[in-house]
Each structure stands twice: as C-alpha cells, then as structure tokens.
Amino acid sequence: MKKTLLIVLFFFSINYIKAQFAENNSMYATTELIFGNIRGGVDLNLNYVHKNKYSLKIGYSGHIQIAESTPEDYSVGVANFLFGGFGLINHPYDQMHNYKLSAGRIYKLNEKGSLRVNLSGGLGYTIIRRPENWISNPNALAENYSWNYKNLETLSLILNPKLELILKNWYGLTVSPLVIINPHNSYVGVGLGQMIGLLKKRDK
C-alpha cells in the first residue's frame, strides 16, 4: 500500500513540475533554410524561453557555395559526374561553419503572443574553409584540378532576430535575418523555417 501511495505521489509530483515548467518556460527546436551572400545554408538551434520574455539558444549554422577561386576551366570529370552526385559531392566549395550561443528578449506583437519577435545576439566559434593551391591535372575521367582546403578559425559576432508565428502549442514558423561578422568574412542573409517543441502553455 505504501509503495502504491509513493508511486502515485511521484507521478503527481512529476506532472506538477511539468505543469509549472510549461507555465513559465518554453523549450523548442528551430530549423531554417538560409540564403545570403554565401548562397545556401542551414540554421539549427535549441531554444529556451523564460517567462515568455528572455531567450537563450545554442545552435549551428552552415553555409556553402561554389568556391570563388575555382578556375574557369575546372571540370568534375566523367567519373565524378556519374558516381559523385553529378559532381556536386566532390566539388570545391567555400564553406563557413558556426557554433553559436545567443541570448535575447522577446516582444509580443499581438495579445495572445502567437506573433512575436525574438531579438537575439551572441558569439560564435567560426570555421571558414576555402580551397587553394590549384594544380592542373588534365584527366577526362577525374577532376582536371587538384587542390587542398585552408581552414581559418575565428570568433564571430552573431545578430539573429526572429519573427516567430506560433500556430499550435507545439509548432510554428519563423523568418529571421542573420548577420555574422568576423575579421575574415561577413555574412548577411535571411532564414525561413519552423519551430517544434513546447512553445507556449495550452490555451484555456
């Protein structure tokens, strides 16, 4: 009997804690496709919101485009075209990878809070990869150039305000400008994506 009572009390306690957490906090993931001066990319974040006012997020963004230094006569070769995703897999790319931590403030744009802006900014650890040392290697079957990547590592300033539209308690849409500034490269773009998780307490 005591064990049964303890189990019942345990589950009631868990549900109470969950209810209290949902009342004052939100946790959710955001995924976005981003487009900017480095043409394509993705932005992935885990978000925590306290009292529908203060936000904290940790995330990653990756950006990629065909390398600006690619020789005009570069060719992926027949083998890479047929067996390497039409040459896209092994193609030389300019890349930027960001591991970021941001904090911000949320402002409601309507009474329900289903439309809001999340003004956030922070710092990122950035890895920039660019191909260099191009060496001509004429070959009809393989690429006609060889190269190697140069890696640069730096800290970046991240500005990433988001317009968030909450459609359900667990799902919403986002539109977000993204600015990344560092001594080696700067990025300006916009992301379109979705939010999934505990976004707000259930409507009564």
Protein backbone atom coordinates (compact mmCIF):
# COMPACT_ATOMS: atom_id res chain seq x y z
CA MET A 1 0.00 0.00 0.00
CA LYS A 2 2.83 2.39 0.90
CA LYS A 3 4.63 1.60 -2.35
CA THR A 4 1.48 2.31 -4.33
CA LEU A 5 0.99 5.60 -2.50
CA LEU A 6 4.61 6.61 -3.14
CA ILE A 7 4.26 5.82 -6.84
CA VAL A 8 1.05 7.85 -7.08
CA LEU A 9 2.67 10.78 -5.25
CA PHE A 10 5.72 10.54 -7.52
CA PHE A 11 3.64 10.79 -10.70
CA PHE A 12 1.57 13.64 -9.27
CA SER A 13 4.82 15.47 -8.42
CA ILE A 14 6.21 14.94 -11.93
CA ASN A 15 3.02 16.24 -13.52
CA TYR A 16 3.01 19.26 -11.20
CA ILE A 17 6.63 20.08 -12.06
CA LYS A 18 5.87 19.71 -15.77
CA ALA A 19 2.84 21.97 -15.45
CA GLN A 20 4.84 24.62 -13.57
CA PHE A 21 7.65 24.44 -16.13
CA ALA A 22 5.22 24.81 -19.05
CA GLU A 23 3.57 27.75 -17.29
CA ASN A 24 6.77 29.83 -17.19
CA ASN A 25 9.14 28.28 -19.71
CA SER A 26 9.38 27.10 -23.30
CA MET A 27 11.82 24.72 -24.97
CA TYR A 28 11.84 24.06 -28.69
CA ALA A 29 13.99 23.42 -31.74
CA THR A 30 14.20 25.62 -34.82
CA THR A 31 15.34 24.55 -38.28
CA GLU A 32 15.78 27.01 -41.13
CA LEU A 33 16.99 27.21 -44.70
CA ILE A 34 19.04 30.38 -45.09
CA PHE A 35 20.03 32.35 -48.16
CA GLY A 36 22.51 35.19 -48.36
CA ASN A 37 25.82 36.38 -49.77
CA ILE A 38 27.11 32.83 -49.20
CA ARG A 39 24.35 31.28 -51.23
CA GLY A 40 22.91 28.30 -49.37
CA GLY A 41 22.84 27.13 -45.79
CA VAL A 42 21.02 25.68 -42.80
CA ASP A 43 20.48 27.02 -39.30
CA LEU A 44 19.71 24.65 -36.40
CA ASN A 45 19.01 25.80 -32.83
CA LEU A 46 17.82 24.61 -29.43
CA ASN A 47 15.89 27.40 -27.70
CA TYR A 48 14.90 28.11 -24.12
CA VAL A 49 12.47 30.92 -23.22
CA HIS A 50 11.87 32.06 -19.62
CA LYS A 51 8.56 33.74 -18.69
CA ASN A 52 7.88 34.46 -22.39
CA LYS A 53 10.43 37.29 -22.15
CA TYR A 54 14.02 36.10 -22.12
CA SER A 55 15.56 33.71 -24.62
CA LEU A 56 18.69 31.61 -24.74
CA LYS A 57 19.75 29.46 -27.66
CA ILE A 58 22.61 27.25 -28.71
CA GLY A 59 22.99 26.27 -32.32
CA TYR A 60 24.86 25.67 -35.54
CA SER A 61 24.73 27.27 -38.96
CA GLY A 62 26.47 26.00 -42.08
CA HIS A 63 26.93 27.97 -45.32
CA ILE A 64 28.21 26.76 -48.66
CA GLN A 65 28.75 27.95 -52.22
CA ILE A 66 30.88 27.00 -55.22
CA ALA A 67 34.37 28.32 -54.49
CA GLU A 68 35.07 31.78 -55.85
CA SER A 69 38.65 30.74 -56.62
CA THR A 70 37.57 27.85 -58.89
CA PRO A 71 39.46 28.03 -62.22
CA GLU A 72 37.27 28.85 -65.21
CA ASP A 73 38.20 25.61 -66.98
CA TYR A 74 37.60 23.39 -63.93
CA SER A 75 35.75 20.15 -64.70
CA VAL A 76 34.49 17.50 -62.28
CA GLY A 77 35.33 14.72 -64.74
CA VAL A 78 33.20 11.89 -66.08
CA ALA A 79 33.62 9.57 -63.06
CA ASN A 80 32.63 12.22 -60.52
CA PHE A 81 29.68 13.27 -62.64
CA LEU A 82 28.35 9.72 -62.89
CA PHE A 83 29.16 8.43 -59.41
CA GLY A 84 29.56 11.57 -57.31
CA GLY A 85 26.10 13.11 -57.39
CA PHE A 86 26.64 14.82 -60.77
CA GLY A 87 29.89 16.21 -59.43
CA LEU A 88 28.24 18.03 -56.51
CA ILE A 89 29.71 15.86 -53.73
CA ASN A 90 33.40 16.39 -54.52
CA HIS A 91 33.10 19.88 -55.95
CA PRO A 92 35.33 22.55 -54.32
CA TYR A 93 33.21 24.77 -52.06
CA ASP A 94 33.68 27.86 -49.93
CA GLN A 95 32.31 26.90 -46.51
CA MET A 96 31.52 28.63 -43.24
CA HIS A 97 30.52 26.72 -40.09
CA ASN A 98 29.31 28.50 -36.94
CA TYR A 99 28.76 27.10 -33.45
CA LYS A 100 26.89 29.82 -31.60
CA LEU A 101 25.43 30.89 -28.29
CA SER A 102 22.91 33.74 -28.17
CA ALA A 103 20.64 35.50 -25.70
CA GLY A 104 17.75 37.83 -26.33
CA ARG A 105 14.47 39.48 -25.41
CA ILE A 106 11.03 38.55 -26.72
CA TYR A 107 8.34 41.10 -27.52
CA LYS A 108 4.75 40.12 -28.23
CA LEU A 109 3.17 41.61 -31.34
CA ASN A 110 -0.39 40.55 -30.50
CA GLU A 111 -2.38 39.92 -27.32
CA LYS A 112 -2.17 36.13 -27.48
CA GLY A 113 1.57 36.16 -28.03
CA SER A 114 1.19 33.94 -31.10
CA LEU A 115 3.08 36.53 -33.15
CA ARG A 116 6.28 37.77 -31.55
CA VAL A 117 9.78 38.99 -32.29
CA ASN A 118 12.83 37.45 -30.62
CA LEU A 119 15.66 39.99 -30.64
CA SER A 120 18.81 37.99 -30.01
CA GLY A 121 22.53 38.22 -30.48
CA GLY A 122 25.66 36.50 -29.27
CA LEU A 123 29.01 35.00 -30.14
CA GLY A 124 30.04 32.17 -32.42
CA TYR A 125 33.06 29.97 -32.99
CA THR A 126 33.52 30.08 -36.76
CA ILE A 127 35.43 27.78 -39.11
CA ILE A 128 35.98 29.08 -42.66
CA ARG A 129 37.17 26.61 -45.30
CA ARG A 130 38.37 27.70 -48.74
CA PRO A 131 40.10 25.69 -51.48
CA GLU A 132 43.56 26.84 -52.56
CA ASN A 133 46.76 25.62 -54.26
CA TRP A 134 45.04 24.65 -57.50
CA ILE A 135 47.20 22.32 -59.58
CA SER A 136 46.25 21.42 -63.15
CA ASN A 137 45.85 17.69 -63.69
CA PRO A 138 44.28 17.01 -67.11
CA ASN A 139 42.21 13.85 -66.89
CA ALA A 140 38.98 13.07 -68.74
CA LEU A 141 37.77 10.64 -66.07
CA ALA A 142 38.60 12.60 -62.91
CA GLU A 143 38.75 16.26 -61.94
CA ASN A 144 41.20 18.27 -64.01
CA TYR A 145 42.49 20.12 -60.94
CA SER A 146 43.65 19.07 -57.51
CA TRP A 147 43.53 21.40 -54.51
CA ASN A 148 43.52 21.47 -50.72
CA TYR A 149 41.40 23.30 -48.17
CA LYS A 150 42.71 26.10 -45.96
CA ASN A 151 40.95 26.38 -42.59
CA LEU A 152 40.54 29.63 -40.66
CA GLU A 153 39.19 29.67 -37.10
CA THR A 154 37.84 32.82 -35.50
CA LEU A 155 35.21 34.34 -33.19
CA SER A 156 32.17 35.99 -34.74
CA LEU A 157 29.53 38.44 -33.63
CA ILE A 158 26.09 36.95 -34.33
CA LEU A 159 22.92 39.04 -34.81
CA ASN A 160 19.84 36.90 -35.38
CA PRO A 161 16.43 38.49 -34.64
CA LYS A 162 13.47 36.21 -35.43
CA LEU A 163 9.86 36.85 -36.30
CA GLU A 164 8.00 33.88 -34.81
CA LEU A 165 4.45 32.83 -35.66
CA ILE A 166 3.06 30.21 -33.25
CA LEU A 167 0.36 28.16 -35.00
CA LYS A 168 -0.02 25.45 -32.35
CA ASN A 169 1.28 24.98 -28.82
CA TRP A 170 3.97 22.77 -30.34
CA TYR A 171 4.50 24.18 -33.86
CA GLY A 172 5.27 27.49 -35.53
CA LEU A 173 7.02 29.27 -38.39
CA THR A 174 9.99 31.64 -38.40
CA VAL A 175 11.50 34.37 -40.58
CA SER A 176 14.88 35.62 -39.44
CA PRO A 177 17.64 37.90 -40.70
CA LEU A 178 21.11 36.57 -39.90
CA VAL A 179 24.27 38.67 -39.68
CA ILE A 180 27.69 37.12 -38.92
CA ILE A 181 30.69 39.43 -38.55
CA ASN A 182 34.32 38.40 -38.08
CA PRO A 183 37.75 39.65 -39.26
CA HIS A 184 37.88 37.21 -42.20
CA ASN A 185 34.38 37.15 -43.58
CA SER A 186 30.95 38.70 -43.15
CA TYR A 187 27.60 37.13 -43.86
CA VAL A 188 24.17 38.70 -44.36
CA GLY A 189 21.16 36.54 -45.12
CA VAL A 190 17.63 35.56 -44.22
CA GLY A 191 16.21 32.27 -42.98
CA LEU A 192 12.80 30.63 -43.40
CA GLY A 193 11.93 27.76 -41.11
CA GLN A 194 9.90 26.13 -38.39
CA MET A 195 9.69 25.72 -34.61
CA ILE A 196 8.86 22.39 -32.98
CA GLY A 197 8.52 21.74 -29.24
CA LEU A 198 6.95 23.32 -26.18
CA LEU A 199 6.20 26.80 -27.50
CA LYS A 200 3.60 28.07 -25.04
CA LYS A 201 1.18 26.88 -22.40
CA ARG A 202 -2.11 25.39 -23.54
CA ASP A 203 -4.92 27.82 -24.17
CA LYS A 204 -7.62 27.63 -21.53
